[in-house]
């Protein structure tokens, strides 16, 4: 008998991924911060010191927004491609989940929303860092959060 579709059937898959990730949350967030910070420091302060300001904006301020976008896209794509594949093929987690009342659509949707959540965490962490560096326009940077969510969903779906 096939499992009945459910509107929130993806939630247990998302919750399972969250509970596993929670044990490694700090290294995961630090790992998501390391690469963008290297770019920000190396290109922003290194190369940026040699470039002129454009309309009063230093190069690092321009680079900060791109770093948020790149971090969001990378986190969603990596989670949807490599981590989901590992859970499906190597760990056989999907086989175990499919032996429950959940269907394949629930598993795929749970993986998609989990990848979007990871990208939101990554993008928000970078926003916190660039805010601490004084590279944002105060509370206006909160408008980036909906864009981060939509970007995460789009790149998770592409993965």
N, C-alpha and C. Protein backbone atom coordinates (compact mmCIF):
# COMPACT_ATOMS: atom_id res chain seq x y z
N UNK A 1 0.84 -1.18 0.00
CA UNK A 1 0.00 0.00 0.00
C UNK A 1 0.89 1.25 0.00
N UNK A 2 0.58 2.19 -0.86
CA UNK A 2 1.35 3.42 -0.96
C UNK A 2 0.99 4.38 0.18
N UNK A 3 1.98 5.13 0.66
CA UNK A 3 1.68 6.11 1.71
C UNK A 3 0.80 7.23 1.18
N UNK A 4 -0.07 7.72 2.04
CA UNK A 4 -0.95 8.82 1.66
C UNK A 4 -0.18 10.13 1.71
N UNK A 5 -0.35 10.97 0.68
CA UNK A 5 0.35 12.26 0.71
C UNK A 5 -0.14 13.13 1.87
N UNK A 6 0.79 13.88 2.42
CA UNK A 6 0.47 14.75 3.55
C UNK A 6 1.10 16.11 3.32
N UNK A 7 0.42 17.15 3.77
CA UNK A 7 0.93 18.50 3.59
C UNK A 7 2.20 18.73 4.40
N UNK A 8 2.28 18.14 5.58
CA UNK A 8 3.46 18.32 6.44
C UNK A 8 4.28 17.04 6.57
N UNK A 9 4.18 16.15 5.59
CA UNK A 9 4.94 14.91 5.64
C UNK A 9 6.44 15.12 5.59
N UNK A 10 6.86 16.26 5.07
CA UNK A 10 8.30 16.56 4.97
C UNK A 10 8.90 16.94 6.32
N UNK A 11 8.06 17.34 7.27
CA UNK A 11 8.55 17.86 8.54
C UNK A 11 9.39 16.85 9.34
N UNK A 12 9.01 15.56 9.43
CA UNK A 12 9.88 14.62 10.16
C UNK A 12 11.26 14.46 9.52
N UNK A 13 11.33 14.55 8.19
CA UNK A 13 12.63 14.45 7.51
C UNK A 13 13.48 15.67 7.86
N UNK A 14 12.87 16.85 7.81
CA UNK A 14 13.57 18.08 8.18
C UNK A 14 14.04 18.00 9.63
N UNK A 15 13.15 17.53 10.51
CA UNK A 15 13.48 17.44 11.93
C UNK A 15 14.63 16.46 12.17
N UNK A 16 14.62 15.34 11.46
CA UNK A 16 15.70 14.37 11.59
C UNK A 16 17.03 14.99 11.18
N UNK A 17 17.04 15.70 10.06
CA UNK A 17 18.26 16.34 9.60
C UNK A 17 18.73 17.41 10.60
N UNK A 18 17.78 18.15 11.17
CA UNK A 18 18.13 19.17 12.16
C UNK A 18 18.75 18.54 13.40
N UNK A 19 18.16 17.45 13.88
CA UNK A 19 18.68 16.81 15.09
C UNK A 19 20.08 16.26 14.88
N UNK A 20 20.35 15.73 13.70
CA UNK A 20 21.70 15.24 13.39
C UNK A 20 22.66 16.42 13.29
N UNK A 21 22.24 17.49 12.60
CA UNK A 21 23.09 18.66 12.41
C UNK A 21 23.39 19.36 13.73
N UNK A 22 22.43 19.33 14.65
CA UNK A 22 22.58 20.04 15.92
C UNK A 22 23.81 19.59 16.69
N UNK A 23 24.19 18.33 16.53
CA UNK A 23 25.37 17.82 17.23
C UNK A 23 26.66 18.43 16.68
N UNK A 24 26.61 18.86 15.43
CA UNK A 24 27.80 19.45 14.79
C UNK A 24 27.54 20.88 14.36
N UNK A 25 26.64 21.56 15.04
CA UNK A 25 26.22 22.90 14.61
C UNK A 25 27.37 23.90 14.61
N UNK A 26 28.14 23.95 15.67
CA UNK A 26 29.21 24.95 15.75
C UNK A 26 30.27 24.75 14.66
N UNK A 27 30.80 23.53 14.48
CA UNK A 27 31.76 23.36 13.38
C UNK A 27 31.15 23.64 12.01
N UNK A 28 29.88 23.32 11.85
CA UNK A 28 29.21 23.57 10.57
C UNK A 28 29.11 25.06 10.28
N UNK A 29 28.70 25.83 11.27
CA UNK A 29 28.57 27.28 11.08
C UNK A 29 29.95 27.91 10.88
N UNK A 30 30.93 27.47 11.66
CA UNK A 30 32.29 28.01 11.49
C UNK A 30 32.84 27.66 10.11
N UNK A 31 32.54 26.46 9.63
CA UNK A 31 32.98 26.07 8.29
C UNK A 31 32.33 26.92 7.21
N UNK A 32 31.05 27.24 7.40
CA UNK A 32 30.36 28.10 6.44
C UNK A 32 30.87 29.53 6.49
N UNK A 33 31.45 29.93 7.62
CA UNK A 33 31.98 31.29 7.74
C UNK A 33 33.41 31.42 7.23
N UNK A 34 34.17 30.34 7.28
CA UNK A 34 35.60 30.42 6.97
C UNK A 34 35.86 30.88 5.54
N UNK A 35 35.26 30.24 4.58
CA UNK A 35 35.52 30.57 3.18
C UNK A 35 35.12 32.00 2.84
N UNK A 36 33.90 32.44 3.18
CA UNK A 36 33.55 33.83 2.88
C UNK A 36 34.43 34.85 3.62
N UNK A 37 34.84 34.52 4.84
CA UNK A 37 35.70 35.45 5.58
C UNK A 37 37.07 35.59 4.93
N UNK A 38 37.58 34.49 4.40
CA UNK A 38 38.87 34.57 3.70
C UNK A 38 38.74 35.48 2.48
N UNK A 39 37.65 35.33 1.74
CA UNK A 39 37.42 36.20 0.59
C UNK A 39 37.26 37.66 1.02
N UNK A 40 36.48 37.86 2.09
CA UNK A 40 36.25 39.23 2.55
C UNK A 40 37.56 39.89 2.98
N UNK A 41 38.35 39.16 3.74
CA UNK A 41 39.60 39.75 4.23
C UNK A 41 40.64 39.88 3.12
N UNK A 42 40.79 38.82 2.33
CA UNK A 42 41.81 38.84 1.28
C UNK A 42 41.47 39.81 0.16
N UNK A 43 40.27 39.67 -0.39
CA UNK A 43 39.89 40.54 -1.50
C UNK A 43 39.42 41.91 -1.02
N UNK A 44 38.64 41.92 0.05
CA UNK A 44 38.08 43.18 0.53
C UNK A 44 39.12 44.14 1.05
N UNK A 45 39.96 43.66 1.95
CA UNK A 45 40.97 44.54 2.52
C UNK A 45 42.27 44.53 1.72
N UNK A 46 42.62 43.37 1.16
CA UNK A 46 43.85 43.29 0.38
C UNK A 46 43.73 44.00 -0.96
N UNK A 47 42.88 43.47 -1.83
CA UNK A 47 42.67 44.09 -3.14
C UNK A 47 41.94 45.42 -3.01
N UNK A 48 41.02 45.49 -2.06
CA UNK A 48 40.24 46.72 -1.87
C UNK A 48 41.09 47.92 -1.49
N UNK A 49 42.23 47.67 -0.86
CA UNK A 49 43.13 48.78 -0.49
C UNK A 49 43.75 49.42 -1.73
N UNK A 50 43.83 48.65 -2.81
CA UNK A 50 44.44 49.17 -4.04
C UNK A 50 43.42 49.79 -5.00
N UNK A 51 42.14 49.59 -4.71
CA UNK A 51 41.09 50.11 -5.59
C UNK A 51 40.50 51.40 -5.03
N UNK A 52 40.10 52.30 -5.91
CA UNK A 52 39.49 53.54 -5.41
C UNK A 52 38.05 53.29 -4.94
N UNK A 53 37.56 54.19 -4.11
CA UNK A 53 36.16 54.10 -3.70
C UNK A 53 35.28 54.57 -4.86
N UNK A 54 34.10 54.02 -4.94
CA UNK A 54 33.15 54.40 -5.98
C UNK A 54 31.95 55.02 -5.30
N UNK A 55 31.73 56.29 -5.55
CA UNK A 55 30.65 57.06 -4.91
C UNK A 55 30.71 56.93 -3.40
N UNK A 56 31.91 56.95 -2.87
CA UNK A 56 32.11 56.91 -1.42
C UNK A 56 32.05 55.52 -0.81
N UNK A 57 31.83 54.49 -1.62
CA UNK A 57 31.74 53.12 -1.10
C UNK A 57 33.05 52.38 -1.35
N UNK A 58 33.64 51.79 -0.32
CA UNK A 58 34.85 51.00 -0.53
C UNK A 58 34.51 49.65 -1.19
N UNK A 59 35.50 49.03 -1.76
CA UNK A 59 35.30 47.76 -2.47
C UNK A 59 34.74 46.69 -1.54
N UNK A 60 35.16 46.68 -0.28
CA UNK A 60 34.70 45.64 0.64
C UNK A 60 33.20 45.73 0.90
N UNK A 61 32.64 46.93 0.85
CA UNK A 61 31.19 47.08 1.03
C UNK A 61 30.45 46.44 -0.14
N UNK A 62 30.99 46.57 -1.34
CA UNK A 62 30.41 45.92 -2.51
C UNK A 62 30.56 44.40 -2.39
N UNK A 63 31.72 43.97 -1.94
CA UNK A 63 32.01 42.55 -1.83
C UNK A 63 31.15 41.87 -0.76
N UNK A 64 30.76 42.60 0.27
CA UNK A 64 29.99 42.01 1.37
C UNK A 64 28.66 41.45 0.89
N UNK A 65 27.94 42.20 0.07
CA UNK A 65 26.65 41.71 -0.44
C UNK A 65 26.81 40.48 -1.31
N UNK A 66 27.82 40.48 -2.14
CA UNK A 66 28.09 39.31 -2.98
C UNK A 66 28.49 38.10 -2.17
N UNK A 67 29.18 38.33 -1.07
CA UNK A 67 29.59 37.23 -0.21
C UNK A 67 28.38 36.59 0.45
N UNK A 68 27.40 37.39 0.85
CA UNK A 68 26.17 36.83 1.43
C UNK A 68 25.47 35.95 0.40
N UNK A 69 25.36 36.45 -0.83
CA UNK A 69 24.70 35.68 -1.90
C UNK A 69 25.46 34.39 -2.20
N UNK A 70 26.77 34.48 -2.34
CA UNK A 70 27.57 33.30 -2.66
C UNK A 70 27.50 32.26 -1.55
N UNK A 71 27.54 32.71 -0.31
CA UNK A 71 27.47 31.80 0.82
C UNK A 71 26.11 31.09 0.86
N UNK A 72 25.06 31.84 0.59
CA UNK A 72 23.71 31.26 0.57
C UNK A 72 23.58 30.22 -0.53
N UNK A 73 24.06 30.56 -1.72
CA UNK A 73 23.97 29.63 -2.85
C UNK A 73 24.82 28.38 -2.60
N UNK A 74 26.03 28.56 -2.10
CA UNK A 74 26.90 27.41 -1.84
C UNK A 74 26.31 26.48 -0.79
N UNK A 75 25.78 27.02 0.28
CA UNK A 75 25.23 26.18 1.35
C UNK A 75 24.05 25.36 0.84
N UNK A 76 23.14 25.99 0.10
CA UNK A 76 21.98 25.27 -0.41
C UNK A 76 22.38 24.22 -1.43
N UNK A 77 23.27 24.58 -2.33
CA UNK A 77 23.68 23.64 -3.37
C UNK A 77 24.44 22.46 -2.78
N UNK A 78 25.37 22.72 -1.87
CA UNK A 78 26.14 21.63 -1.26
C UNK A 78 25.23 20.69 -0.49
N UNK A 79 24.31 21.25 0.29
CA UNK A 79 23.42 20.42 1.09
C UNK A 79 22.50 19.59 0.20
N UNK A 80 21.98 20.19 -0.86
CA UNK A 80 21.05 19.48 -1.73
C UNK A 80 21.76 18.44 -2.60
N UNK A 81 23.00 18.70 -2.97
CA UNK A 81 23.72 17.75 -3.83
C UNK A 81 24.45 16.69 -3.02
N UNK A 82 25.46 17.08 -2.28
CA UNK A 82 26.35 16.12 -1.66
C UNK A 82 25.78 15.51 -0.39
N UNK A 83 25.25 16.32 0.49
CA UNK A 83 24.75 15.79 1.75
C UNK A 83 23.52 14.92 1.54
N UNK A 84 22.60 15.36 0.69
CA UNK A 84 21.41 14.55 0.41
C UNK A 84 21.79 13.25 -0.29
N UNK A 85 22.74 13.33 -1.23
CA UNK A 85 23.21 12.11 -1.90
C UNK A 85 23.83 11.15 -0.91
N UNK A 86 24.61 11.68 0.03
CA UNK A 86 25.23 10.83 1.04
C UNK A 86 24.16 10.15 1.90
N UNK A 87 23.14 10.89 2.28
CA UNK A 87 22.07 10.29 3.08
C UNK A 87 21.31 9.24 2.26
N UNK A 88 21.18 9.47 0.95
CA UNK A 88 20.43 8.54 0.10
C UNK A 88 21.27 7.30 -0.22
N UNK A 89 22.48 7.50 -0.71
CA UNK A 89 23.25 6.40 -1.29
C UNK A 89 24.21 5.75 -0.29
N UNK A 90 24.94 6.53 0.46
CA UNK A 90 25.97 5.98 1.35
C UNK A 90 25.36 5.50 2.67
N UNK A 91 24.62 6.39 3.33
CA UNK A 91 24.07 6.06 4.64
C UNK A 91 22.78 5.27 4.56
N UNK A 92 22.14 5.26 3.41
CA UNK A 92 20.86 4.56 3.19
C UNK A 92 19.76 5.07 4.11
N UNK A 93 19.84 6.34 4.49
CA UNK A 93 18.82 6.93 5.35
C UNK A 93 17.48 6.99 4.65
N UNK A 94 17.49 7.28 3.36
CA UNK A 94 16.23 7.38 2.63
C UNK A 94 15.51 6.04 2.62
N UNK A 95 16.25 4.93 2.48
CA UNK A 95 15.61 3.61 2.51
C UNK A 95 14.93 3.38 3.84
N UNK A 96 15.59 3.77 4.92
CA UNK A 96 14.99 3.60 6.24
C UNK A 96 13.74 4.46 6.39
N UNK A 97 13.80 5.69 5.89
CA UNK A 97 12.64 6.59 5.98
C UNK A 97 11.49 6.06 5.14
N UNK A 98 11.80 5.50 3.98
CA UNK A 98 10.74 5.00 3.09
C UNK A 98 10.07 3.74 3.63
N UNK A 99 10.62 3.14 4.68
CA UNK A 99 9.96 2.03 5.35
C UNK A 99 8.98 2.50 6.42
N UNK A 100 8.79 3.79 6.51
CA UNK A 100 7.81 4.39 7.41
C UNK A 100 6.62 4.85 6.56
N UNK A 101 5.59 5.43 7.14
CA UNK A 101 4.46 5.91 6.33
C UNK A 101 4.77 7.09 5.43
N UNK A 102 6.00 7.59 5.43
CA UNK A 102 6.35 8.72 4.56
C UNK A 102 6.65 8.22 3.15
N UNK A 103 6.38 9.07 2.18
CA UNK A 103 6.65 8.73 0.79
C UNK A 103 7.89 9.44 0.28
N UNK A 104 8.24 9.13 -0.96
CA UNK A 104 9.43 9.72 -1.57
C UNK A 104 9.28 11.24 -1.70
N UNK A 105 8.08 11.71 -2.01
CA UNK A 105 7.85 13.15 -2.10
C UNK A 105 8.11 13.86 -0.78
N UNK A 106 7.74 13.20 0.32
CA UNK A 106 7.99 13.77 1.65
C UNK A 106 9.50 13.87 1.92
N UNK A 107 10.23 12.83 1.52
CA UNK A 107 11.68 12.83 1.74
C UNK A 107 12.34 13.93 0.91
N UNK A 108 11.96 14.02 -0.35
CA UNK A 108 12.55 15.04 -1.23
C UNK A 108 12.21 16.44 -0.73
N UNK A 109 10.96 16.66 -0.33
CA UNK A 109 10.56 17.98 0.18
C UNK A 109 11.29 18.29 1.49
N UNK A 110 11.45 17.30 2.35
CA UNK A 110 12.19 17.51 3.60
C UNK A 110 13.63 17.88 3.34
N UNK A 111 14.25 17.21 2.37
CA UNK A 111 15.63 17.54 2.00
C UNK A 111 15.72 18.94 1.42
N UNK A 112 14.75 19.31 0.60
CA UNK A 112 14.74 20.65 -0.01
C UNK A 112 14.63 21.73 1.06
N UNK A 113 13.68 21.56 1.98
CA UNK A 113 13.51 22.57 3.03
C UNK A 113 14.69 22.57 4.00
N UNK A 114 15.32 21.41 4.20
CA UNK A 114 16.50 21.40 5.06
C UNK A 114 17.65 22.16 4.40
N UNK A 115 17.85 21.95 3.11
CA UNK A 115 18.91 22.67 2.40
C UNK A 115 18.64 24.18 2.43
N UNK A 116 17.38 24.57 2.29
CA UNK A 116 17.04 26.00 2.37
C UNK A 116 17.30 26.54 3.77
N UNK A 117 17.03 25.73 4.79
CA UNK A 117 17.30 26.15 6.17
C UNK A 117 18.80 26.34 6.40
N UNK A 118 19.60 25.39 5.90
CA UNK A 118 21.05 25.52 6.05
C UNK A 118 21.56 26.76 5.34
N UNK A 119 21.00 27.08 4.19
CA UNK A 119 21.45 28.28 3.47
C UNK A 119 21.03 29.53 4.23
N UNK A 120 19.86 29.51 4.87
CA UNK A 120 19.44 30.65 5.68
C UNK A 120 20.39 30.85 6.85
N UNK A 121 20.78 29.77 7.51
CA UNK A 121 21.72 29.88 8.62
C UNK A 121 23.07 30.42 8.15
N UNK A 122 23.52 29.95 7.00
CA UNK A 122 24.80 30.41 6.46
C UNK A 122 24.73 31.89 6.08
N UNK A 123 23.69 32.27 5.35
CA UNK A 123 23.55 33.67 4.95
C UNK A 123 23.38 34.60 6.13
N UNK A 124 22.61 34.16 7.13
CA UNK A 124 22.41 34.99 8.33
C UNK A 124 23.70 35.13 9.11
N UNK A 125 24.50 34.07 9.17
CA UNK A 125 25.79 34.16 9.87
C UNK A 125 26.71 35.16 9.19
N UNK A 126 26.73 35.17 7.87
CA UNK A 126 27.55 36.14 7.15
C UNK A 126 27.00 37.55 7.37
N UNK A 127 25.68 37.70 7.41
CA UNK A 127 25.10 39.02 7.70
C UNK A 127 25.54 39.53 9.06
N UNK A 128 25.58 38.65 10.04
CA UNK A 128 26.02 39.05 11.38
C UNK A 128 27.48 39.52 11.32
N UNK A 129 28.31 38.80 10.60
CA UNK A 129 29.72 39.16 10.51
C UNK A 129 29.90 40.50 9.80
N UNK A 130 29.23 40.70 8.67
CA UNK A 130 29.43 41.98 7.96
C UNK A 130 28.80 43.14 8.72
N UNK A 131 27.77 42.85 9.53
CA UNK A 131 27.22 43.90 10.39
C UNK A 131 28.24 44.27 11.47
N UNK A 132 28.88 43.25 12.04
CA UNK A 132 29.92 43.52 13.05
C UNK A 132 31.09 44.28 12.45
N UNK A 133 31.34 44.09 11.16
CA UNK A 133 32.43 44.81 10.49
C UNK A 133 32.00 46.22 10.07
N UNK A 134 30.72 46.55 10.28
CA UNK A 134 30.22 47.88 9.93
C UNK A 134 29.96 48.07 8.45
N UNK A 135 29.65 46.99 7.75
CA UNK A 135 29.47 47.07 6.30
C UNK A 135 28.02 47.04 5.86
N UNK A 136 27.08 47.20 6.79
CA UNK A 136 25.66 47.20 6.42
C UNK A 136 25.03 48.55 6.75
N UNK A 137 23.84 48.73 6.24
CA UNK A 137 23.09 49.97 6.50
C UNK A 137 22.11 49.78 7.65
N UNK A 138 22.59 49.29 8.75
CA UNK A 138 21.76 49.13 9.94
C UNK A 138 20.62 48.16 9.74
N UNK A 139 19.41 48.54 10.17
CA UNK A 139 18.28 47.63 10.11
C UNK A 139 17.80 47.31 8.69
N UNK A 140 18.24 48.09 7.72
CA UNK A 140 17.84 47.81 6.34
C UNK A 140 18.37 46.46 5.86
N UNK A 141 19.41 45.97 6.48
CA UNK A 141 19.96 44.69 6.05
C UNK A 141 19.02 43.53 6.35
N UNK A 142 18.03 43.75 7.21
CA UNK A 142 17.05 42.69 7.49
C UNK A 142 16.22 42.35 6.26
N UNK A 143 16.15 43.28 5.30
CA UNK A 143 15.44 42.99 4.06
C UNK A 143 16.16 41.93 3.24
N UNK A 144 17.39 41.63 3.58
CA UNK A 144 18.12 40.58 2.88
C UNK A 144 17.63 39.19 3.27
N UNK A 145 17.04 39.05 4.45
CA UNK A 145 16.61 37.73 4.91
C UNK A 145 15.58 37.07 3.99
N UNK A 146 14.53 37.78 3.53
CA UNK A 146 13.62 37.12 2.58
C UNK A 146 14.33 36.71 1.28
N UNK A 147 15.26 37.52 0.83
CA UNK A 147 16.01 37.17 -0.38
C UNK A 147 16.88 35.94 -0.13
N UNK A 148 17.44 35.83 1.07
CA UNK A 148 18.25 34.67 1.41
C UNK A 148 17.38 33.41 1.41
N UNK A 149 16.18 33.50 1.98
CA UNK A 149 15.28 32.35 2.00
C UNK A 149 14.92 31.92 0.58
N UNK A 150 14.54 32.87 -0.26
CA UNK A 150 14.16 32.53 -1.63
C UNK A 150 15.34 31.98 -2.43
N UNK A 151 16.51 32.55 -2.22
CA UNK A 151 17.71 32.05 -2.90
C UNK A 151 18.02 30.63 -2.44
N UNK A 152 17.90 30.40 -1.15
CA UNK A 152 18.13 29.05 -0.62
C UNK A 152 17.16 28.04 -1.19
N UNK A 153 15.88 28.40 -1.26
CA UNK A 153 14.88 27.49 -1.84
C UNK A 153 15.18 27.21 -3.32
N UNK A 154 15.53 28.25 -4.06
CA UNK A 154 15.80 28.09 -5.49
C UNK A 154 17.00 27.18 -5.73
N UNK A 155 18.09 27.41 -5.01
CA UNK A 155 19.29 26.61 -5.24
C UNK A 155 19.17 25.22 -4.63
N UNK A 156 18.36 25.06 -3.59
CA UNK A 156 18.09 23.72 -3.07
C UNK A 156 17.28 22.92 -4.08
N UNK A 157 16.33 23.58 -4.74
CA UNK A 157 15.52 22.89 -5.75
C UNK A 157 16.36 22.52 -6.97
N UNK A 158 17.35 23.34 -7.30
CA UNK A 158 18.23 23.01 -8.42
C UNK A 158 19.16 21.85 -8.10
N UNK A 159 19.46 21.67 -6.81
CA UNK A 159 20.36 20.59 -6.39
C UNK A 159 19.68 19.28 -6.54
